[in-house]
């Protein structure tokens, strides 16, 4: 099982001629030069339909109704927020991210492709997730281990407290976490995404602080590479630490949903509520916190 299940170059430049009018060769424009890292990330890392099914099913089971209002923290390109709103005419979404260029990309490449009905129900906000507590929503999510950017218990609890304050009375917060022995060792994993090779690299891990440095690279059929398309300087939190910080932030209950595997270690695409599990080389869990 890989740790990345789901984890901006110009595209309008003309292809160069082999040589200029004076006979001098023009530098070749590679596939990496023309690649869009955000589009590649969406294809290689994100699975909005998979996540959405789990979110809705879990919320209905816990709260007895369907969630409508969503806040996607660390939303990036708002790929999930758009899929959420597209899924039902009553849904609305707030996407929060601190990176303004990425939000501009989301507006131009994601929201612009949606119908007016969908666009008008999505709000993108350039802000620090530590400071956002309104409007109140049914469901808040922070996917692809994004909260690991907070490296101290103080900051992590402060973030969870902001989420708690931004939820309605029967609100739910869902995030995900990875771990296991293989998560703390340097490694490189490769996976084909169409003709492109997605590369996940764990460069280093500091056992004193649990800080980890990871990268996403892409390799193309012409031999070119987009190295460090994305880099992550995280603290790799444990499940007990995350649960303790969520409870300290005011959540009433925290559940862990373990990813199911077959006898050969292949993901089955389902999760079960777990309190005791055998450790695995790499594991991936959803964590659901009830207000």
C-alpha atoms as a PDB file:
ATOM      1  CA  UNK A   1       0.000   0.000   0.000  1.00  0.00           C
ATOM      2  CA  UNK A   2       1.353   3.403  -0.888  1.00  0.00           C
ATOM      3  CA  UNK A   3       1.295   6.375   1.449  1.00  0.00           C
ATOM      4  CA  UNK A   4      -0.141   8.597  -1.281  1.00  0.00           C
ATOM      5  CA  UNK A   5      -3.553   7.241  -2.292  1.00  0.00           C
ATOM      6  CA  UNK A   6      -5.110  10.080  -3.832  1.00  0.00           C
ATOM      7  CA  UNK A   7      -0.900  13.680  -1.938  1.00  0.00           C
ATOM      8  CA  UNK A   8       2.591  25.370 -13.160  1.00  0.00           C
ATOM      9  CA  UNK A   9       4.328  25.538 -16.074  1.00  0.00           C
ATOM     10  CA  UNK A  10       2.905  27.389 -19.157  1.00  0.00           C
ATOM     11  CA  UNK A  11       0.978  25.219 -21.573  1.00  0.00           C
ATOM     12  CA  UNK A  12       0.399  27.612 -24.460  1.00  0.00           C
ATOM     13  CA  UNK A  13       3.945  27.911 -25.851  1.00  0.00           C
ATOM     14  CA  UNK A  14       4.298  26.652 -29.468  1.00  0.00           C
ATOM     15  CA  UNK A  15       6.521  23.710 -30.194  1.00  0.00           C
ATOM     16  CA  UNK A  16       9.958  24.912 -31.310  1.00  0.00           C
ATOM     17  CA  UNK A  17      11.421  24.212 -34.703  1.00  0.00           C
ATOM     18  CA  UNK A  18      14.463  21.980 -34.801  1.00  0.00           C
ATOM     19  CA  UNK A  19      16.661  24.902 -35.851  1.00  0.00           C
ATOM     20  CA  UNK A  20      16.396  28.661 -36.264  1.00  0.00           C
ATOM     21  CA  UNK A  21      16.725  30.529 -39.575  1.00  0.00           C
ATOM     22  CA  UNK A  22      20.439  30.915 -38.915  1.00  0.00           C
ATOM     23  CA  UNK A  23      20.951  27.229 -38.350  1.00  0.00           C
ATOM     24  CA  UNK A  24      21.331  27.360 -34.591  1.00  0.00           C
ATOM     25  CA  UNK A  25      19.299  24.805 -32.688  1.00  0.00           C
ATOM     26  CA  UNK A  26      16.454  26.022 -30.523  1.00  0.00           C
ATOM     27  CA  UNK A  27      16.302  24.434 -27.048  1.00  0.00           C
ATOM     28  CA  UNK A  28      13.796  21.581 -26.993  1.00  0.00           C
ATOM     29  CA  UNK A  29      10.612  22.131 -25.016  1.00  0.00           C
ATOM     30  CA  UNK A  30      10.061  18.965 -22.988  1.00  0.00           C
ATOM     31  CA  UNK A  31       6.865  17.452 -21.678  1.00  0.00           C
ATOM     32  CA  UNK A  32       7.969  18.505 -18.198  1.00  0.00           C
ATOM     33  CA  UNK A  33       8.299  22.107 -19.417  1.00  0.00           C
ATOM     34  CA  UNK A  34       4.719  22.043 -20.642  1.00  0.00           C
ATOM     35  CA  UNK A  35       3.243  20.137 -17.695  1.00  0.00           C
ATOM     36  CA  UNK A  36       0.791  21.616 -15.215  1.00  0.00           C
ATOM     37  CA  UNK A  37       1.693  20.363 -11.760  1.00  0.00           C
ATOM     38  CA  UNK A  38      -1.743  21.044 -10.301  1.00  0.00           C
ATOM     39  CA  UNK A  39      -3.528  19.040 -12.979  1.00  0.00           C
ATOM     40  CA  UNK A  40      -1.063  16.200 -12.463  1.00  0.00           C
ATOM     41  CA  UNK A  41      -1.646  16.294  -8.700  1.00  0.00           C
ATOM     42  CA  UNK A  42      -5.394  15.993  -9.152  1.00  0.00           C
ATOM     43  CA  UNK A  43      -4.992  12.896 -11.330  1.00  0.00           C
ATOM     44  CA  UNK A  44      -2.308  11.226  -9.229  1.00  0.00           C
ATOM     45  CA  UNK A  45      -3.317  11.994  -5.657  1.00  0.00           C
ATOM     46  CA  UNK A  46      -6.949  12.988  -5.250  1.00  0.00           C
ATOM     47  CA  UNK A  47     -10.049  10.761  -5.252  1.00  0.00           C
ATOM     48  CA  UNK A  48     -12.975  13.112  -4.507  1.00  0.00           C
ATOM     49  CA  UNK A  49     -15.703  10.550  -5.232  1.00  0.00           C
ATOM     50  CA  UNK A  50     -14.091   8.013  -2.897  1.00  0.00           C
ATOM     51  CA  UNK A  51     -13.755  10.544  -0.068  1.00  0.00           C
ATOM     52  CA  UNK A  52     -17.214  11.977  -0.622  1.00  0.00           C
ATOM     53  CA  UNK A  53     -18.868   8.572  -0.355  1.00  0.00           C
ATOM     54  CA  UNK A  54     -17.142   7.914   2.968  1.00  0.00           C
ATOM     55  CA  UNK A  55     -17.954  11.404   4.304  1.00  0.00           C
ATOM     56  CA  UNK A  56     -21.648  11.266   3.468  1.00  0.00           C
ATOM     57  CA  UNK A  57     -22.102   7.674   4.629  1.00  0.00           C
ATOM     58  CA  UNK A  58     -20.315   8.321   7.926  1.00  0.00           C
ATOM     59  CA  UNK A  59     -22.144  11.582   8.598  1.00  0.00           C
ATOM     60  CA  UNK A  60     -25.554  10.006   7.932  1.00  0.00           C
ATOM     61  CA  UNK A  61     -24.775   7.088  10.224  1.00  0.00           C
ATOM     62  CA  UNK A  62     -23.562   9.335  13.049  1.00  0.00           C
ATOM     63  CA  UNK A  63     -25.956  12.264  12.681  1.00  0.00           C
ATOM     64  CA  UNK A  64     -29.045  10.808  11.014  1.00  0.00           C
ATOM     65  CA  UNK A  65     -29.085  13.259   8.102  1.00  0.00           C
ATOM     66  CA  UNK A  66     -27.079  14.208   5.033  1.00  0.00           C
ATOM     67  CA  UNK A  67     -24.455  16.967   5.337  1.00  0.00           C
ATOM     68  CA  UNK A  68     -24.957  19.997   3.106  1.00  0.00           C
ATOM     69  CA  UNK A  69     -22.410  22.681   3.984  1.00  0.00           C
ATOM     70  CA  UNK A  70     -18.746  21.787   3.649  1.00  0.00           C
ATOM     71  CA  UNK A  71     -15.502  23.537   4.546  1.00  0.00           C
ATOM     72  CA  UNK A  72     -12.405  22.175   2.825  1.00  0.00           C
ATOM     73  CA  UNK A  73      -9.287  23.328   4.669  1.00  0.00           C
ATOM     74  CA  UNK A  74      -5.980  23.392   2.773  1.00  0.00           C
ATOM     75  CA  UNK A  75      -8.214  23.171  -0.304  1.00  0.00           C
ATOM     76  CA  UNK A  76      -5.496  23.814  -2.888  1.00  0.00           C
ATOM     77  CA  UNK A  77      -7.171  23.647  -6.295  1.00  0.00           C
ATOM     78  CA  UNK A  78     -10.633  23.115  -4.724  1.00  0.00           C
ATOM     79  CA  UNK A  79     -10.970  19.869  -6.647  1.00  0.00           C
ATOM     80  CA  UNK A  80     -12.905  18.243  -3.807  1.00  0.00           C
ATOM     81  CA  UNK A  81     -15.030  21.322  -3.047  1.00  0.00           C
ATOM     82  CA  UNK A  82     -16.200  21.450  -6.664  1.00  0.00           C
ATOM     83  CA  UNK A  83     -17.029  17.740  -6.690  1.00  0.00           C
ATOM     84  CA  UNK A  84     -18.934  18.161  -3.434  1.00  0.00           C
ATOM     85  CA  UNK A  85     -21.175  20.929  -4.744  1.00  0.00           C
ATOM     86  CA  UNK A  86     -21.629  19.211  -8.101  1.00  0.00           C
ATOM     87  CA  UNK A  87     -22.983  16.151  -6.275  1.00  0.00           C
ATOM     88  CA  UNK A  88     -26.223  17.781  -5.037  1.00  0.00           C
ATOM     89  CA  UNK A  89     -28.103  20.972  -5.791  1.00  0.00           C
ATOM     90  CA  UNK A  90     -28.426  21.878  -2.089  1.00  0.00           C
ATOM     91  CA  UNK A  91     -24.736  21.640  -1.256  1.00  0.00           C
ATOM     92  CA  UNK A  92     -22.404  24.572  -0.630  1.00  0.00           C
ATOM     93  CA  UNK A  93     -18.672  24.647  -0.034  1.00  0.00           C
ATOM     94  CA  UNK A  94     -16.051  26.977   1.398  1.00  0.00           C
ATOM     95  CA  UNK A  95     -12.475  26.304   0.312  1.00  0.00           C
ATOM     96  CA  UNK A  96      -9.732  27.774   2.520  1.00  0.00           C
ATOM     97  CA  UNK A  97      -6.065  27.979   1.566  1.00  0.00           C
ATOM     98  CA  UNK A  98      -3.164  30.310   2.308  1.00  0.00           C
ATOM     99  CA  UNK A  99      -1.615  30.108  -1.161  1.00  0.00           C
ATOM    100  CA  UNK A 100      -3.170  32.773  -3.384  1.00  0.00           C
ATOM    101  CA  UNK A 101      -1.628  31.600  -6.711  1.00  0.00           C
ATOM    102  CA  UNK A 102      -3.099  28.131  -6.202  1.00  0.00           C
ATOM    103  CA  UNK A 103      -6.521  29.610  -5.479  1.00  0.00           C
ATOM    104  CA  UNK A 104      -6.266  31.662  -8.679  1.00  0.00           C
ATOM    105  CA  UNK A 105      -5.474  28.449 -10.540  1.00  0.00           C
ATOM    106  CA  UNK A 106      -8.541  26.866  -8.935  1.00  0.00           C
ATOM    107  CA  UNK A 107     -10.752  29.728 -10.092  1.00  0.00           C
ATOM    108  CA  UNK A 108      -9.390  29.603 -13.639  1.00  0.00           C
ATOM    109  CA  UNK A 109      -9.113  25.839 -14.167  1.00  0.00           C
ATOM    110  CA  UNK A 110     -11.674  24.255 -11.820  1.00  0.00           C
ATOM    111  CA  UNK A 111     -14.478  26.658 -11.061  1.00  0.00           C
ATOM    112  CA  UNK A 112     -14.498  28.141 -14.557  1.00  0.00           C
ATOM    113  CA  UNK A 113     -15.382  24.719 -15.975  1.00  0.00           C
ATOM    114  CA  UNK A 114     -18.379  24.284 -13.693  1.00  0.00           C
ATOM    115  CA  UNK A 115     -21.903  25.430 -14.421  1.00  0.00           C
ATOM    116  CA  UNK A 116     -23.047  28.800 -13.034  1.00  0.00           C
ATOM    117  CA  UNK A 117     -25.205  26.929 -10.522  1.00  0.00           C
ATOM    118  CA  UNK A 118     -22.155  25.132  -9.134  1.00  0.00           C
ATOM    119  CA  UNK A 119     -19.841  28.161  -9.203  1.00  0.00           C
ATOM    120  CA  UNK A 120     -22.194  30.357  -7.229  1.00  0.00           C
ATOM    121  CA  UNK A 121     -22.303  27.804  -4.400  1.00  0.00           C
ATOM    122  CA  UNK A 122     -18.509  27.649  -3.947  1.00  0.00           C
ATOM    123  CA  UNK A 123     -16.519  30.282  -2.060  1.00  0.00           C
ATOM    124  CA  UNK A 124     -12.718  30.346  -2.103  1.00  0.00           C
ATOM    125  CA  UNK A 125     -11.014  32.217   0.720  1.00  0.00           C
ATOM    126  CA  UNK A 126      -7.317  33.041   0.929  1.00  0.00           C
ATOM    127  CA  UNK A 127      -6.783  32.782   4.674  1.00  0.00           C
ATOM    128  CA  UNK A 128      -4.960  30.936   7.429  1.00  0.00           C
ATOM    129  CA  UNK A 129      -7.005  27.935   8.579  1.00  0.00           C
ATOM    130  CA  UNK A 130      -6.033  28.829  12.139  1.00  0.00           C
ATOM    131  CA  UNK A 131      -8.198  31.949  11.901  1.00  0.00           C
ATOM    132  CA  UNK A 132     -11.321  30.691  10.081  1.00  0.00           C
ATOM    133  CA  UNK A 133     -14.354  29.901  12.258  1.00  0.00           C
ATOM    134  CA  UNK A 134     -17.257  31.103  10.092  1.00  0.00           C
ATOM    135  CA  UNK A 135     -19.580  30.437   8.438  1.00  0.00           C
ATOM    136  CA  UNK A 136     -20.529  27.361  10.418  1.00  0.00           C
ATOM    137  CA  UNK A 137     -20.686  24.148   8.400  1.00  0.00           C
ATOM    138  CA  UNK A 138     -21.932  20.595   8.789  1.00  0.00           C
ATOM    139  CA  UNK A 139     -18.680  19.005   7.717  1.00  0.00           C
ATOM    140  CA  UNK A 140     -15.063  20.160   7.686  1.00  0.00           C
ATOM    141  CA  UNK A 141     -12.265  18.166   6.102  1.00  0.00           C
ATOM    142  CA  UNK A 142      -8.469  18.425   5.861  1.00  0.00           C
ATOM    143  CA  UNK A 143      -7.190  15.862   3.399  1.00  0.00           C
ATOM    144  CA  UNK A 144      -3.865  14.465   2.204  1.00  0.00           C
ATOM    145  CA  UNK A 145      -2.254  14.808   5.638  1.00  0.00           C
ATOM    146  CA  UNK A 146      -2.253  18.603   5.274  1.00  0.00           C
ATOM    147  CA  UNK A 147      -2.610  19.339   9.003  1.00  0.00           C
ATOM    148  CA  UNK A 148       0.842  17.775   9.522  1.00  0.00           C
ATOM    149  CA  UNK A 149       2.243  21.181   8.590  1.00  0.00           C
ATOM    150  CA  UNK A 150       1.591  22.053  12.260  1.00  0.00           C
ATOM    151  CA  UNK A 151       4.562  20.698  14.179  1.00  0.00           C
ATOM    152  CA  UNK A 152       3.661  21.503  17.801  1.00  0.00           C
ATOM    153  CA  UNK A 153       0.796  20.313  19.960  1.00  0.00           C
ATOM    154  CA  UNK A 154      -0.057  23.940  20.672  1.00  0.00           C
ATOM    155  CA  UNK A 155      -0.543  24.797  16.994  1.00  0.00           C
ATOM    156  CA  UNK A 156      -2.282  21.537  16.150  1.00  0.00           C
ATOM    157  CA  UNK A 157      -4.752  21.956  19.023  1.00  0.00           C
ATOM    158  CA  UNK A 158      -5.296  25.584  18.042  1.00  0.00           C
ATOM    159  CA  UNK A 159      -6.188  24.473  14.517  1.00  0.00           C
ATOM    160  CA  UNK A 160      -8.560  21.789  15.774  1.00  0.00           C
ATOM    161  CA  UNK A 161     -10.164  24.379  18.058  1.00  0.00           C
ATOM    162  CA  UNK A 162     -10.814  26.659  15.069  1.00  0.00           C
ATOM    163  CA  UNK A 163     -12.422  23.722  13.254  1.00  0.00           C
ATOM    164  CA  UNK A 164     -14.556  22.950  16.308  1.00  0.00           C
ATOM    165  CA  UNK A 165     -15.760  26.544  16.509  1.00  0.00           C
ATOM    166  CA  UNK A 166     -16.623  26.529  12.812  1.00  0.00           C
ATOM    167  CA  UNK A 167     -18.896  23.493  13.005  1.00  0.00           C
ATOM    168  CA  UNK A 168     -22.627  23.427  13.588  1.00  0.00           C
ATOM    169  CA  UNK A 169     -23.916  21.755  16.722  1.00  0.00           C
ATOM    170  CA  UNK A 170     -24.062  18.331  15.009  1.00  0.00           C
ATOM    171  CA  UNK A 171     -20.951  18.957  12.922  1.00  0.00           C
ATOM    172  CA  UNK A 172     -18.239  16.486  12.010  1.00  0.00           C
ATOM    173  CA  UNK A 173     -14.548  16.898  11.181  1.00  0.00           C
ATOM    174  CA  UNK A 174     -12.812  14.297   9.021  1.00  0.00           C
ATOM    175  CA  UNK A 175      -9.132  14.082   8.229  1.00  0.00           C
ATOM    176  CA  UNK A 176      -6.668  11.337   7.355  1.00  0.00           C
ATOM    177  CA  UNK A 177      -3.296  10.150   8.538  1.00  0.00           C
ATOM    178  CA  UNK A 178      -0.663   7.676   7.429  1.00  0.00           C
ATOM    179  CA  UNK A 179       1.998   5.837   9.363  1.00  0.00           C
ATOM    180  CA  UNK A 180       3.673   2.493  10.006  1.00  0.00           C
ATOM    181  CA  UNK A 181       7.333   1.395   9.991  1.00  0.00           C
ATOM    182  CA  UNK A 182       7.819   2.165   6.288  1.00  0.00           C
ATOM    183  CA  UNK A 183       6.585   5.726   6.783  1.00  0.00           C
ATOM    184  CA  UNK A 184       9.736   6.710   8.655  1.00  0.00           C
ATOM    185  CA  UNK A 185      12.321   5.292   6.252  1.00  0.00           C
ATOM    186  CA  UNK A 186      13.744   6.942   3.131  1.00  0.00           C
ATOM    187  CA  UNK A 187      12.012   5.416   0.130  1.00  0.00           C
ATOM    188  CA  UNK A 188      10.839   6.064  -3.407  1.00  0.00           C
ATOM    189  CA  UNK A 189       7.533   4.702  -4.747  1.00  0.00           C
ATOM    190  CA  UNK A 190       6.474   4.880  -8.394  1.00  0.00           C
ATOM    191  CA  UNK A 191       3.058   4.535  -9.960  1.00  0.00           C
ATOM    192  CA  UNK A 192       1.851   4.986 -13.520  1.00  0.00           C
ATOM    193  CA  UNK A 193      -0.792   7.655 -14.130  1.00  0.00           C
ATOM    194  CA  UNK A 194      -1.577   7.131 -17.787  1.00  0.00           C
ATOM    195  CA  UNK A 195       1.688   7.805 -19.613  1.00  0.00           C
ATOM    196  CA  UNK A 196       3.157   9.770 -16.706  1.00  0.00           C
ATOM    197  CA  UNK A 197       4.999   8.206 -13.762  1.00  0.00           C
ATOM    198  CA  UNK A 198       4.088   9.582 -10.346  1.00  0.00           C
ATOM    199  CA  UNK A 199       6.967   9.392  -7.868  1.00  0.00           C
ATOM    200  CA  UNK A 200       6.552   9.687  -4.091  1.00  0.00           C
ATOM    201  CA  UNK A 201       9.809  10.232  -2.195  1.00  0.00           C
ATOM    202  CA  UNK A 202      10.373  10.161   1.538  1.00  0.00           C
ATOM    203  CA  UNK A 203      13.711  11.942   1.713  1.00  0.00           C
ATOM    204  CA  UNK A 204      14.396  11.974   5.439  1.00  0.00           C
ATOM    205  CA  UNK A 205      12.923  11.524   8.892  1.00  0.00           C
ATOM    206  CA  UNK A 206      14.125  12.913  12.227  1.00  0.00           C
ATOM    207  CA  UNK A 207      13.198  10.546  15.094  1.00  0.00           C
ATOM    208  CA  UNK A 208      13.909  13.259  17.678  1.00  0.00           C
ATOM    209  CA  UNK A 209      11.139  15.529  16.372  1.00  0.00           C
ATOM    210  CA  UNK A 210       9.187  13.173  14.062  1.00  0.00           C
ATOM    211  CA  UNK A 211       9.743  15.692  11.273  1.00  0.00           C
ATOM    212  CA  UNK A 212       9.709  14.271   7.767  1.00  0.00           C
ATOM    213  CA  UNK A 213      10.559  15.758   4.372  1.00  0.00           C
ATOM    214  CA  UNK A 214       8.744  14.315   1.358  1.00  0.00           C
ATOM    215  CA  UNK A 215       8.432  15.197  -2.329  1.00  0.00           C
ATOM    216  CA  UNK A 216       6.269  14.448  -5.344  1.00  0.00           C
ATOM    217  CA  UNK A 217       8.014  14.168  -8.722  1.00  0.00           C
ATOM    218  CA  UNK A 218       6.659  13.356 -12.175  1.00  0.00           C
ATOM    219  CA  UNK A 219       8.497  11.560 -14.981  1.00  0.00           C
ATOM    220  CA  UNK A 220       7.358  11.817 -18.612  1.00  0.00           C
ATOM    221  CA  UNK A 221       7.604   9.522 -21.668  1.00  0.00           C
ATOM    222  CA  UNK A 222      10.165  11.785 -23.348  1.00  0.00           C
ATOM    223  CA  UNK A 223      12.540  11.233 -20.415  1.00  0.00           C
ATOM    224  CA  UNK A 224      12.034  14.660 -18.862  1.00  0.00           C
ATOM    225  CA  UNK A 225      11.180  15.093 -15.184  1.00  0.00           C
ATOM    226  CA  UNK A 226       9.313  17.563 -13.040  1.00  0.00           C
ATOM    227  CA  UNK A 227      11.317  17.233  -9.847  1.00  0.00           C
ATOM    228  CA  UNK A 228       9.907  18.392  -6.527  1.00  0.00           C
ATOM    229  CA  UNK A 229       6.637  19.455  -8.083  1.00  0.00           C
ATOM    230  CA  UNK A 230       5.441  19.465  -4.478  1.00  0.00           C
ATOM    231  CA  UNK A 231       7.437  19.245  -1.244  1.00  0.00           C
ATOM    232  CA  UNK A 232       6.138  18.609   2.263  1.00  0.00           C
ATOM    233  CA  UNK A 233       7.919  19.566   5.463  1.00  0.00           C
ATOM    234  CA  UNK A 234       5.721  17.836   8.037  1.00  0.00           C
ATOM    235  CA  UNK A 235       5.605  16.389  11.497  1.00  0.00           C
ATOM    236  CA  UNK A 236       4.413  12.806  11.237  1.00  0.00           C
ATOM    237  CA  UNK A 237       1.853  12.648  14.026  1.00  0.00           C
ATOM    238  CA  UNK A 238       0.648   9.421  15.615  1.00  0.00           C
ATOM    239  CA  UNK A 239      -3.009   8.475  15.926  1.00  0.00           C
ATOM    240  CA  UNK A 240      -3.032   8.848  19.765  1.00  0.00           C
ATOM    241  CA  UNK A 241      -1.501  12.317  19.514  1.00  0.00           C
ATOM    242  CA  UNK A 242      -4.103  13.471  16.998  1.00  0.00           C
ATOM    243  CA  UNK A 243      -6.939  12.041  19.086  1.00  0.00           C
ATOM    244  CA  UNK A 244      -5.645  13.745  22.230  1.00  0.00           C
ATOM    245  CA  UNK A 245      -5.361  17.118  20.483  1.00  0.00           C
ATOM    246  CA  UNK A 246      -8.868  16.806  19.032  1.00  0.00           C
ATOM    247  CA  UNK A 247     -10.350  16.030  22.445  1.00  0.00           C
ATOM    248  CA  UNK A 248      -8.373  18.900  24.000  1.00  0.00           C
ATOM    249  CA  UNK A 249      -9.851  21.193  21.342  1.00  0.00           C
ATOM    250  CA  UNK A 250     -13.376  20.356  22.506  1.00  0.00           C
ATOM    251  CA  UNK A 251     -14.516  17.453  20.347  1.00  0.00           C
ATOM    252  CA  UNK A 252     -16.716  14.984  22.207  1.00  0.00           C
ATOM    253  CA  UNK A 253     -15.585  11.809  20.450  1.00  0.00           C
ATOM    254  CA  UNK A 254     -12.890  10.720  17.998  1.00  0.00           C
ATOM    255  CA  UNK A 255     -13.225   7.587  15.834  1.00  0.00           C
ATOM    256  CA  UNK A 256     -10.579   5.863  13.733  1.00  0.00           C
ATOM    257  CA  UNK A 257     -11.496   4.105  10.484  1.00  0.00           C
ATOM    258  CA  UNK A 258      -8.856   1.635   9.323  1.00  0.00           C
ATOM    259  CA  UNK A 259      -8.348   0.895   5.631  1.00  0.00           C
ATOM    260  CA  UNK A 260      -9.301  -2.658   4.643  1.00  0.00           C
ATOM    261  CA  UNK A 261      -6.864  -4.904   2.780  1.00  0.00           C
ATOM    262  CA  UNK A 262      -7.074  -8.373   1.278  1.00  0.00           C
ATOM    263  CA  UNK A 263      -4.733 -11.269   2.107  1.00  0.00           C
ATOM    264  CA  UNK A 264      -2.163  -9.907  -0.337  1.00  0.00           C
ATOM    265  CA  UNK A 265      -2.109  -6.447   1.226  1.00  0.00           C
ATOM    266  CA  UNK A 266      -4.073  -4.796  -1.580  1.00  0.00           C
ATOM    267  CA  UNK A 267      -6.470  -1.979  -0.675  1.00  0.00           C
ATOM    268  CA  UNK A 268     -10.145  -2.937  -0.868  1.00  0.00           C
ATOM    269  CA  UNK A 269     -11.448   0.628  -0.994  1.00  0.00           C
ATOM    270  CA  UNK A 270     -13.360   0.314   2.276  1.00  0.00           C
ATOM    271  CA  UNK A 271     -12.744   1.221   5.922  1.00  0.00           C
ATOM    272  CA  UNK A 272     -13.966  -0.128   9.241  1.00  0.00           C
ATOM    273  CA  UNK A 273     -14.287   1.447  12.675  1.00  0.00           C
ATOM    274  CA  UNK A 274     -11.314   0.197  14.677  1.00  0.00           C
ATOM    275  CA  UNK A 275     -10.064   0.280  18.250  1.00  0.00           C
ATOM    276  CA  UNK A 276      -7.402  -2.466  18.019  1.00  0.00           C
ATOM    277  CA  UNK A 277      -5.320  -3.294  14.932  1.00  0.00           C
ATOM    278  CA  UNK A 278      -2.190  -5.154  13.937  1.00  0.00           C
ATOM    279  CA  UNK A 279       0.531  -2.764  12.823  1.00  0.00           C
ATOM    280  CA  UNK A 280       1.325  -2.807   9.105  1.00  0.00           C
ATOM    281  CA  UNK A 281       4.369  -1.626   7.141  1.00  0.00           C
ATOM    282  CA  UNK A 282       2.231   1.303   5.979  1.00  0.00           C
ATOM    283  CA  UNK A 283      -1.289   2.171   7.032  1.00  0.00           C
ATOM    284  CA  UNK A 284      -3.813   4.859   6.134  1.00  0.00           C
ATOM    285  CA  UNK A 285      -6.771   5.892   8.290  1.00  0.00           C
ATOM    286  CA  UNK A 286      -9.647   8.327   8.344  1.00  0.00           C
ATOM    287  CA  UNK A 287     -10.104  10.141  11.648  1.00  0.00           C
ATOM    288  CA  UNK A 288     -13.597  11.439  12.391  1.00  0.00           C
ATOM    289  CA  UNK A 289     -14.207  13.866  15.266  1.00  0.00           C
ATOM    290  CA  UNK A 290     -17.713  14.662  16.491  1.00  0.00           C
ATOM    291  CA  UNK A 291     -18.510  18.069  17.937  1.00  0.00           C
END
